[in-house]
Structures are given as structure tokens and as C-alpha cells.
Amino acid sequence: MNKLIERTVYIISDSTGITAETFSNSILSQFDSIRFNQIRIPFISCIEKAKQVVEEINNNAIQYQQTPIVFSTLVDPIIKNMIKNANGIFIDLFGTFVEYIEEKIGIKSSNSIGRSHTMNDTEKYRNRIDAINFSLSHDDGQFIDQLNKADVILIGVSRCGKTPTSLYLAMQYAIKAANFPLTPDDFERKSLPSTIIPFKPKLFGLTIQAERLSEIRNERRPNSQYSNFKQCQYEVLESEKIMNKEKIPILSTTNKSIEEISTTILQQIGLSKNLIN
């Protein structure tokens, strides 16, 4: 087995750096023979901070005898040029696209720092917070009031990915996502929990391969009946039978990222029209 090549990646931003990190992760995922050591440095908004970043990049290049990769969403031209002239492979995520659009439409951009994460639109921010609070209070079937206000109700066996998906939908898209476990009691009755039957049009099923489910549960409760492979296999099969009988859309989370799971849910149940713009 070949040893992975290692390379340092700097993610530099005058705001949080979240946009740059997300974009860079997508790009770097195409290089599976390299282990990237990512360093995110946010809020580089003055020359003094920029000098410190330049020094760190240059020292890294000397220490590891490799030119680090530098992803940037910097807007200020002076600060951006300082970072660009450091000993790094500089990739200007904003400038590459902003300059192209400026050229094509004949209008200059405003060059506003932190525009991608502004809180000027307080309604959008409040919607996210409301959705997060809703998802937290309706996690794992612990609070059944106001389920009528849910945009989607995720169902499936324990540890199949319901909670992280609910929170991701809330945080990224202001989707009010509740989640409800299917348990051995439901499997014996071979029916959905009575609490969620009135909201059947909002249900979306998550499933998972039994082998993977057993691995995940073993991390939580090693060598227990809960994590036993046969128990996991039974629960997965019975939950899928119920969901298929009720004609509830199902998605396997086994080999999918939370981003893929969430996007598929939004598309399949037609929630894309509600996304925050």
C-alpha cells in the first residue's frame, strides 16, 4: 500500500472562511492520493494580520520543502496581493468568478468584505435559528407537539443518520425537520407509530446497511444486543417493510455524505422551492 503524500493547505478569509473551506474541500476531494493538512485562518482584515499569515506560509514552505496551497476569499486588494506574493500556490476563489462576471455583464462588484455571511437580512437569520430550535426539540420523537409545523419528518431505525441530517437541513436551509425512530414495538405491529400517521405526506425514510449500522452502534454500546448484527439486520429489514408498505420515500445513508442525503431529501419531497435565497 502506497503511503499518502501530505500537503499543507491554507484557507484564508477576511470573514469566517466557511465558504472557502467548503469550496476547497470539494476541489481537494478529487486528489485521493494526497492527505491535505488544512489550516483555516479567518478574519484577515488588516495589514498586520496579513503579514503574520505571509510569514506562516513562507515558514511552512521552508519547513516542509513544499509550496503550500492557499485558497483565498479575500476582497481587499492590498491584503490579497500580500498573501498572493507569499510562497504559496494562490487560488483566488472570489476573484476568479467576480472578475469574469464583471467583464461579461459590464458592472463592477461592490467588493464588500464578508458579504457571503452577512446578517443584514435578519429574517433569514431568524428563520435558521427557529429551524434549529425546532429540530432540536423534535429530535428522536421526544416532543410531538407542533409536528404539523414540520417541513419534513425523518423516520428510520436508531443511528441511521436522522439527527445530523435534521440539524444540517435546519442550519443550512432553515428547514424545520423533525425525526422519529422506528422501534421494535413498531415492527411487531408492522405499522408506523400512531403519532406520525396524520403527517404521512411529510415523512421521509432513512435506512442503512445492517453491517454499517452494527459498526456505528458498537461505537456507542460495544457488544450489546443493540449493536448485534442480527438485531441490526432485523430492524433494518422490518423498517424498510413498513416504509415500503406505506409508500414512504426511502434513502440509504450507508455511503452518502450528509450533504448528499440532505440534497436528495430536498429534491424528492419538493422542498427546494423553500430554500433560503
Protein backbone atom coordinates (compact mmCIF):
# COMPACT_ATOMS: atom_id res chain seq x y z
CA MET A 1 0.00 0.00 0.00
CA ASN A 2 1.47 3.35 -1.08
CA LYS A 3 1.98 5.98 1.58
CA LEU A 4 -0.20 9.06 1.11
CA ILE A 5 1.53 12.26 0.10
CA GLU A 6 0.95 15.08 2.58
CA ARG A 7 0.48 18.73 1.70
CA THR A 8 -0.43 21.82 3.69
CA VAL A 9 -3.46 23.84 2.62
CA TYR A 10 -4.21 27.32 3.92
CA ILE A 11 -7.74 28.69 3.76
CA ILE A 12 -7.55 32.47 4.15
CA SER A 13 -10.56 34.75 4.51
CA ASP A 14 -11.48 38.22 5.70
CA SER A 15 -14.66 36.68 7.11
CA THR A 16 -15.33 33.23 8.63
CA GLY A 17 -13.63 31.21 5.90
CA ILE A 18 -16.52 28.76 5.78
CA THR A 19 -17.24 29.44 2.10
CA ALA A 20 -13.59 28.94 1.17
CA GLU A 21 -13.34 25.77 3.26
CA THR A 22 -16.43 24.22 1.70
CA PHE A 23 -15.29 25.02 -1.83
CA SER A 24 -11.73 23.85 -1.23
CA ASN A 25 -12.95 20.57 0.27
CA SER A 26 -14.87 19.86 -2.94
CA ILE A 27 -11.80 20.53 -5.05
CA LEU A 28 -9.32 18.65 -2.88
CA SER A 29 -11.57 15.59 -2.67
CA GLN A 30 -10.56 14.87 -6.28
CA PHE A 31 -7.00 14.09 -5.13
CA ASP A 32 -7.38 10.88 -3.16
CA SER A 33 -3.63 10.11 -3.19
CA ILE A 34 -2.85 13.18 -1.09
CA ARG A 35 -3.55 13.84 2.59
CA PHE A 36 -4.23 17.55 2.92
CA ASN A 37 -3.50 19.22 6.24
CA GLN A 38 -5.93 22.13 6.21
CA ILE A 39 -5.38 25.30 8.21
CA ARG A 40 -8.24 27.82 8.19
CA ILE A 41 -7.30 31.39 9.11
CA PRO A 42 -10.37 33.67 9.29
CA PHE A 43 -10.83 37.42 9.79
CA ILE A 44 -7.70 38.61 7.98
CA SER A 45 -8.87 42.20 7.68
CA CYS A 46 -5.74 44.28 8.31
CA ILE A 47 -2.16 44.51 7.06
CA GLU A 48 -0.64 43.34 10.38
CA LYS A 49 -2.63 40.11 10.30
CA ALA A 50 -1.78 39.63 6.63
CA LYS A 51 1.95 39.94 7.43
CA GLN A 52 1.63 37.19 10.04
CA VAL A 53 -0.11 34.92 7.52
CA VAL A 54 2.58 35.57 4.89
CA GLU A 55 5.27 34.68 7.42
CA GLU A 56 3.47 31.45 8.38
CA ILE A 57 3.04 30.39 4.74
CA ASN A 58 6.69 31.11 3.96
CA ASN A 59 7.91 29.24 7.05
CA ASN A 60 5.72 26.27 6.16
CA ALA A 61 7.22 26.12 2.66
CA ILE A 62 10.73 26.11 4.14
CA GLN A 63 9.96 23.58 6.86
CA TYR A 64 8.31 21.01 4.61
CA GLN A 65 10.20 21.81 1.42
CA GLN A 66 6.87 22.08 -0.39
CA THR A 67 4.85 25.03 -1.60
CA PRO A 68 1.57 25.05 0.35
CA ILE A 69 -1.75 25.55 -1.41
CA VAL A 70 -3.55 28.77 -0.47
CA PHE A 71 -7.29 29.18 -1.03
CA SER A 72 -8.46 32.77 -0.60
CA THR A 73 -11.75 34.64 -0.42
CA LEU A 74 -10.01 37.92 0.43
CA VAL A 75 -11.55 41.05 -1.05
CA ASP A 76 -9.24 43.91 -0.04
CA PRO A 77 -6.75 44.24 -2.97
CA ILE A 78 -3.78 45.24 -0.78
CA ILE A 79 -4.21 42.35 1.65
CA LYS A 80 -4.95 39.92 -1.18
CA ASN A 81 -1.75 40.90 -3.05
CA MET A 82 0.29 40.43 0.12
CA ILE A 83 -0.98 36.87 0.53
CA LYS A 84 -0.64 36.25 -3.21
CA ASN A 85 3.06 37.13 -3.07
CA ALA A 86 3.76 34.64 -0.29
CA ASN A 87 5.46 31.36 -1.17
CA GLY A 88 2.22 29.50 -1.85
CA ILE A 89 0.08 28.26 -4.72
CA PHE A 90 -2.51 31.06 -4.57
CA ILE A 91 -6.10 30.32 -5.64
CA ASP A 92 -8.44 33.32 -5.59
CA LEU A 93 -11.90 31.78 -5.18
CA PHE A 94 -13.83 35.05 -5.33
CA GLY A 95 -11.72 37.00 -7.79
CA THR A 96 -11.75 34.24 -10.40
CA PHE A 97 -15.51 34.41 -10.70
CA VAL A 98 -16.21 38.02 -9.74
CA GLU A 99 -13.83 39.42 -12.35
CA TYR A 100 -15.27 37.15 -15.03
CA ILE A 101 -18.83 38.24 -14.24
CA GLU A 102 -17.79 41.90 -14.15
CA GLU A 103 -16.32 41.52 -17.62
CA LYS A 104 -19.34 39.77 -19.06
CA ILE A 105 -22.08 42.00 -17.62
CA GLY A 106 -20.16 45.28 -17.65
CA ILE A 107 -20.86 46.09 -13.99
CA LYS A 108 -18.30 46.38 -11.20
CA SER A 109 -18.82 44.42 -7.98
CA SER A 110 -19.10 46.18 -4.63
CA ASN A 111 -16.07 44.33 -3.15
CA SER A 112 -17.80 44.06 0.23
CA ILE A 113 -15.96 42.12 2.91
CA GLY A 114 -17.94 39.29 4.50
CA ARG A 115 -20.87 39.69 2.14
CA SER A 116 -21.46 35.94 1.84
CA HIS A 117 -22.17 35.66 5.58
CA THR A 118 -23.84 38.99 6.28
CA MET A 119 -26.54 39.23 8.94
CA ASN A 120 -28.15 42.27 7.35
CA ASP A 121 -31.17 40.19 6.42
CA THR A 122 -32.34 39.40 9.94
CA GLU A 123 -35.41 37.48 8.76
CA LYS A 124 -33.26 34.82 7.09
CA TYR A 125 -31.11 34.56 10.20
CA ARG A 126 -34.16 34.19 12.45
CA ASN A 127 -35.57 31.50 10.16
CA ARG A 128 -32.39 29.46 10.61
CA ILE A 129 -32.44 29.84 14.38
CA ASP A 130 -36.13 28.90 14.53
CA ALA A 131 -35.49 25.83 12.38
CA ILE A 132 -32.54 24.73 14.56
CA ASN A 133 -34.60 25.11 17.75
CA PHE A 134 -37.45 23.17 16.15
CA SER A 135 -35.18 20.32 15.06
CA LEU A 136 -33.52 20.10 18.46
CA SER A 137 -36.84 19.98 20.31
CA HIS A 138 -38.25 17.39 17.87
CA ASP A 139 -35.24 15.11 17.89
CA ASP A 140 -35.79 11.36 18.25
CA GLY A 141 -39.54 11.73 18.80
CA GLN A 142 -39.05 13.46 22.16
CA PHE A 143 -41.58 16.24 21.51
CA ILE A 144 -44.68 15.51 19.44
CA ASP A 145 -46.49 18.85 19.66
CA GLN A 146 -46.39 21.11 16.61
CA LEU A 147 -45.40 18.33 14.23
CA ASN A 148 -47.85 19.97 11.86
CA LYS A 149 -45.30 22.79 11.53
CA ALA A 150 -42.55 20.44 10.35
CA ASP A 151 -41.38 20.73 6.74
CA VAL A 152 -40.22 17.13 6.85
CA ILE A 153 -40.24 14.27 9.39
CA LEU A 154 -37.38 11.81 9.02
CA ILE A 155 -38.02 8.25 10.16
CA GLY A 156 -35.80 5.20 10.48
CA VAL A 157 -34.02 2.95 12.94
CA SER A 158 -31.78 4.34 15.67
CA ARG A 159 -28.36 5.61 14.45
CA CYS A 160 -29.17 5.66 10.75
CA GLY A 161 -28.42 9.39 10.42
CA LYS A 162 -31.70 11.10 11.28
CA THR A 163 -30.39 13.62 13.83
CA PRO A 164 -27.38 15.01 11.91
CA THR A 165 -29.47 15.27 8.76
CA SER A 166 -32.23 17.14 10.60
CA LEU A 167 -29.76 19.63 12.03
CA TYR A 168 -27.98 20.10 8.71
CA LEU A 169 -31.28 20.88 6.98
CA ALA A 170 -32.09 23.40 9.69
CA MET A 171 -28.69 25.08 9.76
CA GLN A 172 -28.13 25.27 6.03
CA TYR A 173 -31.64 25.72 4.65
CA ALA A 174 -33.89 26.80 7.55
CA ILE A 175 -35.88 23.59 7.06
CA LYS A 176 -37.91 22.56 10.12
CA ALA A 177 -37.00 18.88 10.26
CA ALA A 178 -38.29 16.57 12.96
CA ASN A 179 -37.13 12.98 13.28
CA PHE A 180 -38.84 9.92 14.70
CA PRO A 181 -37.37 6.49 15.47
CA LEU A 182 -38.88 3.22 14.32
CA THR A 183 -38.62 0.73 17.19
CA PRO A 184 -39.20 -3.00 17.82
CA ASP A 185 -42.72 -2.14 19.04
CA ASP A 186 -43.50 -0.73 15.59
CA PHE A 187 -42.02 -3.81 13.94
CA GLU A 188 -44.23 -6.12 15.98
CA ARG A 189 -47.32 -4.10 14.97
CA LYS A 190 -45.91 -3.80 11.43
CA SER A 191 -47.09 -0.21 11.28
CA LEU A 192 -45.97 3.37 11.73
CA PRO A 193 -46.15 4.97 15.18
CA SER A 194 -49.67 6.36 15.59
CA THR A 195 -48.25 9.79 16.47
CA ILE A 196 -46.89 10.41 12.98
CA ILE A 197 -49.59 8.76 10.86
CA PRO A 198 -51.52 12.07 10.49
CA PHE A 199 -48.37 13.61 8.96
CA LYS A 200 -47.67 10.85 6.45
CA PRO A 201 -47.18 13.24 3.47
CA LYS A 202 -44.26 14.82 5.37
CA LEU A 203 -42.48 11.53 6.13
CA PHE A 204 -39.16 10.60 4.57
CA GLY A 205 -37.42 7.32 5.40
CA LEU A 206 -33.72 6.79 6.03
CA THR A 207 -32.20 3.33 6.01
CA ILE A 208 -28.70 1.87 6.21
CA GLN A 209 -26.89 -1.39 5.59
CA ALA A 210 -27.02 -3.65 8.62
CA GLU A 211 -23.23 -4.12 8.69
CA ARG A 212 -22.64 -0.37 8.85
CA LEU A 213 -25.38 0.10 11.44
CA SER A 214 -23.78 -2.55 13.65
CA GLU A 215 -20.41 -0.75 13.40
CA ILE A 216 -21.94 2.58 14.37
CA ARG A 217 -23.90 1.13 17.29
CA ASN A 218 -20.84 -0.75 18.53
CA GLU A 219 -19.06 2.57 18.93
CA ARG A 220 -21.83 3.62 21.29
CA ARG A 221 -22.69 0.35 23.05
CA PRO A 222 -20.00 -2.27 22.36
CA ASN A 223 -21.00 -5.96 22.39
CA SER A 224 -24.63 -5.23 23.23
CA GLN A 225 -27.87 -6.63 21.86
CA TYR A 226 -28.47 -3.14 20.46
CA SER A 227 -25.36 -3.38 18.29
CA ASN A 228 -25.62 -7.08 17.46
CA PHE A 229 -25.52 -7.65 13.69
CA LYS A 230 -28.62 -9.88 13.65
CA GLN A 231 -30.57 -7.30 15.65
CA CYS A 232 -29.48 -4.55 13.25
CA GLN A 233 -30.40 -6.71 10.27
CA TYR A 234 -33.83 -7.40 11.73
CA GLU A 235 -34.54 -3.73 12.43
CA VAL A 236 -33.38 -2.56 9.01
CA LEU A 237 -35.48 -5.16 7.17
CA GLU A 238 -38.60 -4.51 9.25
CA SER A 239 -38.30 -0.72 8.97
CA GLU A 240 -37.97 -0.96 5.20
CA LYS A 241 -41.02 -3.24 5.05
CA ILE A 242 -43.10 -0.64 6.89
CA MET A 243 -41.88 2.24 4.76
CA ASN A 244 -42.44 0.34 1.53
CA LYS A 245 -45.93 -0.70 2.65
CA GLU A 246 -46.80 2.92 3.42
CA LYS A 247 -45.16 4.11 0.16
CA ILE A 248 -42.78 6.43 2.03
CA PRO A 249 -39.70 7.51 0.04
CA ILE A 250 -36.54 5.82 1.30
CA LEU A 251 -32.88 6.73 1.03
CA SER A 252 -29.91 4.66 2.19
CA THR A 253 -27.36 6.69 4.13
CA THR A 254 -24.69 3.98 4.05
CA ASN A 255 -22.29 5.53 1.54
CA LYS A 256 -23.61 9.07 1.36
CA SER A 257 -22.41 12.30 2.92
CA ILE A 258 -24.81 14.43 4.92
CA GLU A 259 -24.78 16.95 2.08
CA GLU A 260 -25.88 14.29 -0.42
CA ILE A 261 -28.57 12.99 1.91
CA SER A 262 -29.99 16.46 2.55
CA THR A 263 -29.96 17.47 -1.13
CA THR A 264 -31.74 14.26 -2.13
CA ILE A 265 -34.42 14.81 0.52
CA LEU A 266 -35.00 18.39 -0.64
CA GLN A 267 -35.35 17.29 -4.25
CA GLN A 268 -37.55 14.26 -3.67
CA ILE A 269 -40.09 15.94 -1.44
CA GLY A 270 -40.12 19.22 -3.36
CA LEU A 271 -38.69 21.46 -0.64
CA SER A 272 -36.14 23.13 -2.90
CA LYS A 273 -38.56 25.99 -3.51
CA ASN A 274 -38.37 26.85 0.19
CA LEU A 275 -34.59 27.22 0.35
CA ILE A 276 -33.16 30.46 1.65
CA ASN A 277 -32.18 32.73 -1.23
